[in-house]
Amino acid sequence: MSIHNSPTHISQDSGENVTNASSDINENTTSSQHDNINDITAEYSFYYGPCNDFQIYHITCKEKTPEEIITQLLNNSLYLTHYFYSNDIFVFYYQQPNDKKIYQITCEMVPHSIIVQFLNSNIYGIELLYQNEHYQQNFSNRHKENLESHLREFLFNYLAPNNQSNI
């Protein structure tokens, strides 16, 4: 099942920092059968711009079942995905304190050239071609720490069980 909602404006106030995220949120729900137990997992995607960072990120939150996490740990492959070795993708895991669900958070840098092309194409109807269309961007430790910190605060409210009906 795929749900595509109209743009949502989400504000979060954490002391002095205010994070605004305007996004089209996509939700995919997958149902699977493990040992006669139905597990329903969800996947959410949105764009995010944290405080103190001019970079925009495409975020995917994929709920992981305990069986998936245990299997990955036993196979020693929790971090051995193709994402882990990419310089423009950052992956971490987040556990929602309220319901103890675990999510794999995949963060991908959106190149500024893609944003400029999208805006020119959709607002002005012109196509601009760049020499270095897909300039390779890398996650620095500062990017990772800042993004993970702000996303954890954002996800605490966004993935709260009582807020998922608003998605």
N, C-alpha and C. Protein backbone atom coordinates (compact mmCIF):
# COMPACT_ATOMS: atom_id res chain seq x y z
N MET A 1 0.85 -1.17 0.00
CA MET A 1 0.00 0.00 0.00
C MET A 1 0.89 1.23 0.00
N SER A 2 0.58 2.16 -0.85
CA SER A 2 1.36 3.38 -0.91
C SER A 2 0.43 4.56 -0.74
N ILE A 3 0.78 5.45 0.15
CA ILE A 3 -0.04 6.63 0.44
C ILE A 3 0.79 7.85 0.12
N HIS A 4 0.24 8.75 -0.68
CA HIS A 4 0.93 9.99 -1.00
C HIS A 4 0.04 11.13 -0.55
N ASN A 5 0.47 11.86 0.42
CA ASN A 5 -0.33 12.94 0.99
C ASN A 5 0.09 14.28 0.44
N SER A 6 -0.76 15.27 0.65
CA SER A 6 -0.41 16.63 0.26
C SER A 6 0.70 17.14 1.15
N PRO A 7 1.39 18.23 0.73
CA PRO A 7 2.52 18.74 1.52
C PRO A 7 2.13 19.00 2.97
N THR A 8 3.03 18.64 3.84
CA THR A 8 2.82 18.79 5.27
C THR A 8 3.88 19.73 5.82
N HIS A 9 3.49 20.66 6.66
CA HIS A 9 4.45 21.54 7.30
C HIS A 9 4.56 21.11 8.75
N ILE A 10 5.76 20.76 9.14
CA ILE A 10 5.98 20.26 10.49
C ILE A 10 6.95 21.18 11.19
N SER A 11 6.60 21.65 12.37
CA SER A 11 7.48 22.51 13.15
C SER A 11 7.84 21.82 14.44
N GLN A 12 9.05 22.02 14.84
CA GLN A 12 9.49 21.45 16.11
C GLN A 12 10.24 22.52 16.85
N ASP A 13 9.91 22.72 18.11
CA ASP A 13 10.59 23.71 18.92
C ASP A 13 11.33 22.99 20.03
N SER A 14 12.65 23.08 20.00
CA SER A 14 13.44 22.46 21.05
C SER A 14 14.36 23.52 21.63
N GLY A 15 13.83 24.30 22.52
CA GLY A 15 14.62 25.38 23.12
C GLY A 15 14.83 26.46 22.09
N GLU A 16 16.10 26.75 21.78
CA GLU A 16 16.42 27.81 20.83
C GLU A 16 16.34 27.35 19.39
N ASN A 17 16.46 26.04 19.15
CA ASN A 17 16.47 25.53 17.78
C ASN A 17 15.06 25.26 17.31
N VAL A 18 14.74 25.76 16.14
CA VAL A 18 13.46 25.47 15.52
C VAL A 18 13.76 24.82 14.18
N THR A 19 13.21 23.65 13.95
CA THR A 19 13.42 22.93 12.70
C THR A 19 12.12 22.91 11.94
N ASN A 20 12.16 23.33 10.69
CA ASN A 20 10.98 23.27 9.83
C ASN A 20 11.26 22.27 8.74
N ALA A 21 10.32 21.39 8.50
CA ALA A 21 10.45 20.44 7.40
C ALA A 21 9.17 20.49 6.60
N SER A 22 9.30 20.83 5.35
CA SER A 22 8.17 20.82 4.45
C SER A 22 8.39 19.69 3.47
N SER A 23 7.44 18.77 3.40
CA SER A 23 7.72 17.58 2.59
C SER A 23 6.46 16.93 2.09
N ASP A 24 6.63 16.17 1.02
CA ASP A 24 5.63 15.20 0.60
C ASP A 24 6.06 13.92 1.28
N ILE A 25 5.21 13.38 2.11
CA ILE A 25 5.59 12.20 2.88
C ILE A 25 4.97 10.99 2.22
N ASN A 26 5.81 10.04 1.88
CA ASN A 26 5.34 8.80 1.29
C ASN A 26 5.40 7.72 2.35
N GLU A 27 4.32 6.96 2.45
CA GLU A 27 4.29 5.86 3.41
C GLU A 27 4.03 4.57 2.66
N ASN A 28 4.88 3.60 2.85
CA ASN A 28 4.68 2.27 2.29
C ASN A 28 4.57 1.30 3.45
N THR A 29 3.58 0.44 3.38
CA THR A 29 3.40 -0.56 4.43
C THR A 29 3.54 -1.93 3.81
N THR A 30 4.35 -2.78 4.42
CA THR A 30 4.58 -4.13 3.92
C THR A 30 4.15 -5.12 4.98
N SER A 31 3.46 -6.13 4.54
CA SER A 31 3.04 -7.18 5.46
C SER A 31 3.76 -8.46 5.09
N SER A 32 4.30 -9.16 6.10
CA SER A 32 4.98 -10.42 5.83
C SER A 32 4.62 -11.42 6.91
N GLN A 33 4.84 -12.69 6.60
CA GLN A 33 4.49 -13.76 7.53
C GLN A 33 5.77 -14.43 8.01
N HIS A 34 6.02 -14.43 9.31
CA HIS A 34 7.16 -15.11 9.93
C HIS A 34 6.63 -16.01 11.03
N ASP A 35 6.81 -17.33 10.86
CA ASP A 35 6.39 -18.29 11.89
C ASP A 35 4.94 -18.06 12.33
N ASN A 36 4.05 -17.90 11.38
CA ASN A 36 2.62 -17.70 11.63
C ASN A 36 2.30 -16.42 12.39
N ILE A 37 3.23 -15.47 12.42
CA ILE A 37 2.98 -14.17 13.06
C ILE A 37 3.04 -13.11 11.97
N ASN A 38 2.02 -12.30 11.87
CA ASN A 38 2.02 -11.24 10.87
C ASN A 38 2.79 -10.04 11.38
N ASP A 39 3.78 -9.63 10.63
CA ASP A 39 4.54 -8.43 10.95
C ASP A 39 4.21 -7.38 9.90
N ILE A 40 3.81 -6.22 10.33
CA ILE A 40 3.55 -5.13 9.40
C ILE A 40 4.64 -4.10 9.61
N THR A 41 5.37 -3.82 8.55
CA THR A 41 6.44 -2.83 8.65
C THR A 41 6.10 -1.64 7.78
N ALA A 42 6.55 -0.49 8.21
CA ALA A 42 6.25 0.74 7.51
C ALA A 42 7.53 1.38 7.00
N GLU A 43 7.39 2.16 5.94
CA GLU A 43 8.52 2.91 5.40
C GLU A 43 8.02 4.32 5.08
N TYR A 44 8.76 5.31 5.57
CA TYR A 44 8.40 6.71 5.38
C TYR A 44 9.55 7.42 4.68
N SER A 45 9.22 8.28 3.72
CA SER A 45 10.23 9.05 3.01
C SER A 45 9.85 10.53 3.01
N PHE A 46 10.85 11.39 3.18
CA PHE A 46 10.63 12.82 3.16
C PHE A 46 11.96 13.53 2.95
N TYR A 47 11.90 14.83 2.67
CA TYR A 47 13.11 15.66 2.54
C TYR A 47 13.27 16.44 3.83
N TYR A 48 14.53 16.68 4.21
CA TYR A 48 14.79 17.30 5.51
C TYR A 48 16.00 18.21 5.42
N GLY A 49 15.91 19.35 6.09
CA GLY A 49 17.02 20.28 6.21
C GLY A 49 17.23 20.63 7.67
N PRO A 50 18.28 20.09 8.30
CA PRO A 50 18.50 20.36 9.73
C PRO A 50 19.04 21.78 9.98
N CYS A 51 18.96 22.20 11.23
CA CYS A 51 19.53 23.48 11.64
C CYS A 51 21.03 23.46 11.41
N ASN A 52 21.60 24.62 11.16
CA ASN A 52 23.04 24.79 11.01
C ASN A 52 23.62 23.99 9.85
N ASP A 53 22.82 23.68 8.84
CA ASP A 53 23.29 22.92 7.70
C ASP A 53 22.51 23.37 6.47
N PHE A 54 23.22 23.78 5.43
CA PHE A 54 22.56 24.23 4.20
C PHE A 54 22.22 23.08 3.27
N GLN A 55 22.64 21.89 3.63
CA GLN A 55 22.40 20.71 2.80
C GLN A 55 20.97 20.21 2.99
N ILE A 56 20.38 19.68 1.92
CA ILE A 56 19.06 19.05 1.98
C ILE A 56 19.27 17.55 1.82
N TYR A 57 18.51 16.77 2.58
CA TYR A 57 18.67 15.32 2.60
C TYR A 57 17.36 14.64 2.26
N HIS A 58 17.45 13.52 1.54
CA HIS A 58 16.30 12.66 1.33
C HIS A 58 16.39 11.58 2.40
N ILE A 59 15.35 11.47 3.23
CA ILE A 59 15.35 10.57 4.38
C ILE A 59 14.36 9.44 4.13
N THR A 60 14.79 8.23 4.43
CA THR A 60 13.91 7.07 4.39
C THR A 60 13.99 6.37 5.74
N CYS A 61 12.84 6.21 6.38
CA CYS A 61 12.75 5.52 7.67
C CYS A 61 12.06 4.19 7.41
N LYS A 62 12.79 3.11 7.56
CA LYS A 62 12.22 1.79 7.32
C LYS A 62 12.16 1.02 8.63
N GLU A 63 10.94 0.68 9.01
CA GLU A 63 10.76 -0.08 10.25
C GLU A 63 11.37 -1.47 10.08
N LYS A 64 12.09 -1.91 11.10
CA LYS A 64 12.72 -3.22 11.08
C LYS A 64 12.09 -4.08 12.17
N THR A 65 11.80 -5.32 11.84
CA THR A 65 11.27 -6.23 12.84
C THR A 65 12.41 -6.76 13.69
N PRO A 66 12.13 -7.19 14.91
CA PRO A 66 13.20 -7.77 15.74
C PRO A 66 13.89 -8.95 15.05
N GLU A 67 13.11 -9.74 14.30
CA GLU A 67 13.68 -10.88 13.58
C GLU A 67 14.70 -10.42 12.54
N GLU A 68 14.41 -9.33 11.84
CA GLU A 68 15.34 -8.80 10.84
C GLU A 68 16.64 -8.33 11.50
N ILE A 69 16.52 -7.63 12.62
CA ILE A 69 17.70 -7.13 13.33
C ILE A 69 18.54 -8.29 13.84
N ILE A 70 17.89 -9.29 14.45
CA ILE A 70 18.61 -10.45 14.98
C ILE A 70 19.31 -11.20 13.86
N THR A 71 18.62 -11.41 12.74
CA THR A 71 19.22 -12.10 11.60
C THR A 71 20.43 -11.34 11.08
N GLN A 72 20.30 -10.02 10.96
CA GLN A 72 21.43 -9.22 10.48
C GLN A 72 22.59 -9.28 11.46
N LEU A 73 22.30 -9.24 12.75
CA LEU A 73 23.37 -9.34 13.75
C LEU A 73 24.07 -10.70 13.69
N LEU A 74 23.27 -11.76 13.59
CA LEU A 74 23.84 -13.11 13.53
C LEU A 74 24.67 -13.32 12.26
N ASN A 75 24.24 -12.70 11.19
CA ASN A 75 24.98 -12.80 9.93
C ASN A 75 26.09 -11.76 9.83
N ASN A 76 26.24 -10.97 10.90
CA ASN A 76 27.27 -9.94 10.95
C ASN A 76 27.14 -8.95 9.78
N SER A 77 25.89 -8.63 9.42
CA SER A 77 25.67 -7.77 8.26
C SER A 77 24.81 -6.55 8.57
N LEU A 78 24.72 -6.16 9.83
CA LEU A 78 23.88 -5.02 10.18
C LEU A 78 24.33 -3.76 9.45
N TYR A 79 25.64 -3.58 9.33
CA TYR A 79 26.17 -2.39 8.67
C TYR A 79 26.86 -2.72 7.35
N LEU A 80 26.78 -3.96 6.91
CA LEU A 80 27.47 -4.34 5.68
C LEU A 80 26.54 -4.30 4.48
N THR A 81 25.85 -3.20 4.30
CA THR A 81 25.03 -3.02 3.12
C THR A 81 25.79 -2.11 2.16
N HIS A 82 25.30 -2.01 0.94
CA HIS A 82 25.98 -1.14 -0.03
C HIS A 82 25.88 0.33 0.40
N TYR A 83 24.91 0.67 1.23
CA TYR A 83 24.78 2.04 1.71
C TYR A 83 25.96 2.46 2.61
N PHE A 84 26.43 1.51 3.41
CA PHE A 84 27.43 1.84 4.41
C PHE A 84 28.71 2.36 3.77
N TYR A 85 29.03 1.89 2.60
CA TYR A 85 30.28 2.25 1.96
C TYR A 85 30.16 3.44 1.01
N SER A 86 28.98 3.97 0.85
CA SER A 86 28.78 5.12 -0.02
C SER A 86 29.09 6.41 0.75
N ASN A 87 29.76 7.37 0.09
CA ASN A 87 30.14 8.61 0.76
C ASN A 87 29.00 9.62 0.85
N ASP A 88 27.96 9.46 0.01
CA ASP A 88 26.86 10.42 0.04
C ASP A 88 25.60 9.87 0.69
N ILE A 89 25.72 8.70 1.33
CA ILE A 89 24.59 8.09 2.05
C ILE A 89 25.05 7.74 3.45
N PHE A 90 24.21 8.05 4.43
CA PHE A 90 24.52 7.79 5.83
C PHE A 90 23.36 6.99 6.41
N VAL A 91 23.66 5.89 7.11
CA VAL A 91 22.64 5.03 7.69
C VAL A 91 22.87 4.92 9.19
N PHE A 92 21.79 5.05 9.96
CA PHE A 92 21.85 4.77 11.39
C PHE A 92 20.53 4.15 11.81
N TYR A 93 20.47 3.65 13.02
CA TYR A 93 19.27 3.01 13.54
C TYR A 93 18.70 3.84 14.67
N TYR A 94 17.38 3.86 14.74
CA TYR A 94 16.67 4.67 15.74
C TYR A 94 15.57 3.82 16.36
N GLN A 95 15.48 3.84 17.70
CA GLN A 95 14.38 3.15 18.38
C GLN A 95 13.45 4.18 18.97
N GLN A 96 12.18 4.10 18.58
CA GLN A 96 11.16 5.01 19.10
C GLN A 96 10.87 4.62 20.55
N PRO A 97 11.11 5.53 21.52
CA PRO A 97 10.94 5.18 22.93
C PRO A 97 9.52 4.78 23.32
N ASN A 98 8.52 5.37 22.67
CA ASN A 98 7.13 5.11 23.07
C ASN A 98 6.68 3.68 22.78
N ASP A 99 6.97 3.18 21.58
CA ASP A 99 6.49 1.85 21.22
C ASP A 99 7.61 0.84 20.97
N LYS A 100 8.86 1.28 21.15
CA LYS A 100 10.05 0.42 21.03
C LYS A 100 10.30 -0.10 19.61
N LYS A 101 9.63 0.49 18.60
CA LYS A 101 9.88 0.08 17.22
C LYS A 101 11.26 0.57 16.80
N ILE A 102 11.93 -0.23 15.97
CA ILE A 102 13.27 0.11 15.50
C ILE A 102 13.18 0.46 14.02
N TYR A 103 13.85 1.55 13.65
CA TYR A 103 13.86 2.03 12.27
C TYR A 103 15.29 2.14 11.75
N GLN A 104 15.46 1.74 10.50
CA GLN A 104 16.71 2.01 9.80
C GLN A 104 16.51 3.34 9.09
N ILE A 105 17.36 4.31 9.42
CA ILE A 105 17.26 5.65 8.86
C ILE A 105 18.35 5.80 7.80
N THR A 106 17.93 5.99 6.56
CA THR A 106 18.86 6.18 5.45
C THR A 106 18.78 7.63 5.00
N CYS A 107 19.92 8.32 5.02
CA CYS A 107 19.99 9.73 4.68
C CYS A 107 20.86 9.90 3.43
N GLU A 108 20.30 10.50 2.41
CA GLU A 108 21.04 10.71 1.17
C GLU A 108 21.10 12.20 0.87
N MET A 109 22.30 12.69 0.58
CA MET A 109 22.47 14.10 0.23
C MET A 109 21.82 14.37 -1.13
N VAL A 110 21.06 15.46 -1.20
CA VAL A 110 20.46 15.87 -2.46
C VAL A 110 21.36 16.94 -3.05
N PRO A 111 21.96 16.69 -4.24
CA PRO A 111 22.85 17.70 -4.83
C PRO A 111 22.10 18.99 -5.15
N HIS A 112 22.74 20.11 -4.88
CA HIS A 112 22.12 21.41 -5.15
C HIS A 112 21.78 21.57 -6.63
N SER A 113 22.57 20.98 -7.52
CA SER A 113 22.30 21.08 -8.96
C SER A 113 20.97 20.44 -9.32
N ILE A 114 20.60 19.36 -8.63
CA ILE A 114 19.32 18.70 -8.87
C ILE A 114 18.17 19.62 -8.45
N ILE A 115 18.34 20.30 -7.33
CA ILE A 115 17.31 21.22 -6.83
C ILE A 115 17.13 22.38 -7.80
N VAL A 116 18.25 22.95 -8.28
CA VAL A 116 18.19 24.06 -9.23
C VAL A 116 17.51 23.60 -10.52
N GLN A 117 17.88 22.43 -11.01
CA GLN A 117 17.25 21.90 -12.23
C GLN A 117 15.75 21.71 -12.04
N PHE A 118 15.36 21.15 -10.90
CA PHE A 118 13.94 20.92 -10.62
C PHE A 118 13.16 22.23 -10.58
N LEU A 119 13.70 23.23 -9.88
CA LEU A 119 13.02 24.51 -9.76
C LEU A 119 12.89 25.20 -11.13
N ASN A 120 13.98 25.23 -11.90
CA ASN A 120 13.92 25.86 -13.23
C ASN A 120 12.95 25.14 -14.15
N SER A 121 12.95 23.83 -14.11
CA SER A 121 12.07 23.04 -14.97
C SER A 121 10.61 23.23 -14.59
N ASN A 122 10.30 23.18 -13.28
CA ASN A 122 8.91 23.22 -12.84
C ASN A 122 8.34 24.61 -12.69
N ILE A 123 9.17 25.61 -12.45
CA ILE A 123 8.66 26.97 -12.28
C ILE A 123 8.75 27.77 -13.58
N TYR A 124 9.89 27.66 -14.28
CA TYR A 124 10.11 28.47 -15.47
C TYR A 124 10.03 27.68 -16.77
N GLY A 125 9.96 26.36 -16.69
CA GLY A 125 9.85 25.54 -17.89
C GLY A 125 11.12 25.47 -18.72
N ILE A 126 12.27 25.73 -18.10
CA ILE A 126 13.53 25.66 -18.84
C ILE A 126 14.40 24.55 -18.28
N GLU A 127 15.16 23.95 -19.18
CA GLU A 127 16.07 22.88 -18.79
C GLU A 127 17.49 23.39 -18.87
N LEU A 128 18.19 23.41 -17.73
CA LEU A 128 19.59 23.81 -17.70
C LEU A 128 20.44 22.57 -17.54
N LEU A 129 21.49 22.47 -18.32
CA LEU A 129 22.41 21.35 -18.20
C LEU A 129 23.69 21.84 -17.56
N TYR A 130 24.18 21.10 -16.60
CA TYR A 130 25.40 21.45 -15.89
C TYR A 130 26.53 20.55 -16.33
N GLN A 131 27.76 21.10 -16.33
CA GLN A 131 28.94 20.30 -16.65
C GLN A 131 29.11 19.19 -15.62
N ASN A 132 29.12 19.55 -14.34
CA ASN A 132 29.23 18.59 -13.25
C ASN A 132 27.86 18.40 -12.62
N GLU A 133 26.98 17.76 -13.39
CA GLU A 133 25.60 17.62 -12.97
C GLU A 133 25.46 16.94 -11.60
N HIS A 134 26.22 15.92 -11.39
CA HIS A 134 26.10 15.18 -10.14
C HIS A 134 27.40 15.25 -9.37
N TYR A 135 27.72 16.42 -8.89
CA TYR A 135 28.92 16.62 -8.10
C TYR A 135 28.86 15.71 -6.88
N GLN A 136 29.88 14.90 -6.70
CA GLN A 136 29.91 13.95 -5.59
C GLN A 136 30.08 14.68 -4.26
N GLN A 137 29.13 14.51 -3.37
CA GLN A 137 29.20 15.11 -2.05
C GLN A 137 29.50 14.01 -1.04
N ASN A 138 30.20 14.37 0.01
CA ASN A 138 30.58 13.40 1.03
C ASN A 138 30.05 13.83 2.39
N PHE A 139 29.67 12.84 3.18
CA PHE A 139 29.26 13.10 4.56
C PHE A 139 30.51 13.28 5.41
N SER A 140 30.65 14.45 5.99
CA SER A 140 31.72 14.65 6.96
C SER A 140 31.19 14.17 8.32
N ASN A 141 32.07 14.03 9.28
CA ASN A 141 31.61 13.67 10.63
C ASN A 141 30.67 14.73 11.18
N ARG A 142 30.93 16.00 10.87
CA ARG A 142 30.06 17.09 11.32
C ARG A 142 28.66 16.94 10.73
N HIS A 143 28.57 16.62 9.42
CA HIS A 143 27.27 16.40 8.79
C HIS A 143 26.52 15.26 9.49
N LYS A 144 27.22 14.16 9.69
CA LYS A 144 26.58 12.98 10.30
C LYS A 144 26.07 13.28 11.70
N GLU A 145 26.92 13.90 12.53
CA GLU A 145 26.52 14.19 13.92
C GLU A 145 25.36 15.17 13.98
N ASN A 146 25.44 16.24 13.19
CA ASN A 146 24.39 17.25 13.19
C ASN A 146 23.08 16.67 12.67
N LEU A 147 23.14 15.95 11.57
CA LEU A 147 21.93 15.37 10.98
C LEU A 147 21.30 14.34 11.91
N GLU A 148 22.10 13.44 12.45
CA GLU A 148 21.55 12.41 13.33
C GLU A 148 20.92 13.02 14.58
N SER A 149 21.57 14.01 15.16
CA SER A 149 21.04 14.66 16.36
C SER A 149 19.69 15.31 16.08
N HIS A 150 19.60 16.09 15.00
CA HIS A 150 18.34 16.76 14.68
C HIS A 150 17.26 15.78 14.23
N LEU A 151 17.66 14.75 13.49
CA LEU A 151 16.67 13.76 13.07
C LEU A 151 16.10 12.98 14.24
N ARG A 152 16.94 12.66 15.21
CA ARG A 152 16.44 11.94 16.40
C ARG A 152 15.36 12.76 17.11
N GLU A 153 15.58 14.06 17.25
CA GLU A 153 14.56 14.93 17.88
C GLU A 153 13.30 14.97 17.03
N PHE A 154 13.48 15.13 15.71
CA PHE A 154 12.35 15.20 14.80
C PHE A 154 11.57 13.89 14.79
N LEU A 155 12.28 12.76 14.70
CA LEU A 155 11.63 11.45 14.62
C LEU A 155 10.90 11.09 15.91
N PHE A 156 11.38 11.58 17.05
CA PHE A 156 10.70 11.32 18.31
C PHE A 156 9.24 11.78 18.21
N ASN A 157 9.01 12.96 17.63
CA ASN A 157 7.65 13.48 17.48
C ASN A 157 6.95 12.93 16.24
N TYR A 158 7.67 12.82 15.15
CA TYR A 158 7.09 12.41 13.88
C TYR A 158 6.60 10.96 13.89
N LEU A 159 7.37 10.07 14.50
CA LEU A 159 7.02 8.65 14.51
C LEU A 159 6.21 8.24 15.74
N ALA A 160 5.84 9.20 16.58
CA ALA A 160 5.03 8.90 17.76
C ALA A 160 3.72 8.26 17.32
N PRO A 161 3.27 7.21 18.01
CA PRO A 161 2.07 6.48 17.59
C PRO A 161 0.84 7.36 17.38
N ASN A 162 0.64 8.39 18.21
CA ASN A 162 -0.55 9.22 18.05
C ASN A 162 -0.45 10.18 16.88
N ASN A 163 0.73 10.40 16.30
CA ASN A 163 0.88 11.30 15.17
C ASN A 163 0.82 10.59 13.83
N GLN A 164 0.89 9.27 13.79
CA GLN A 164 0.92 8.57 12.51
C GLN A 164 -0.42 8.64 11.79
N SER A 165 -1.49 8.96 12.48
CA SER A 165 -2.77 9.12 11.80
C SER A 165 -2.78 10.39 10.96
N ASN A 166 -1.86 11.33 11.24
CA ASN A 166 -1.78 12.58 10.49
C ASN A 166 -0.92 12.47 9.24
N ILE A 167 -0.29 11.35 9.03
CA ILE A 167 0.63 11.18 7.89
C ILE A 167 -0.16 11.01 6.62
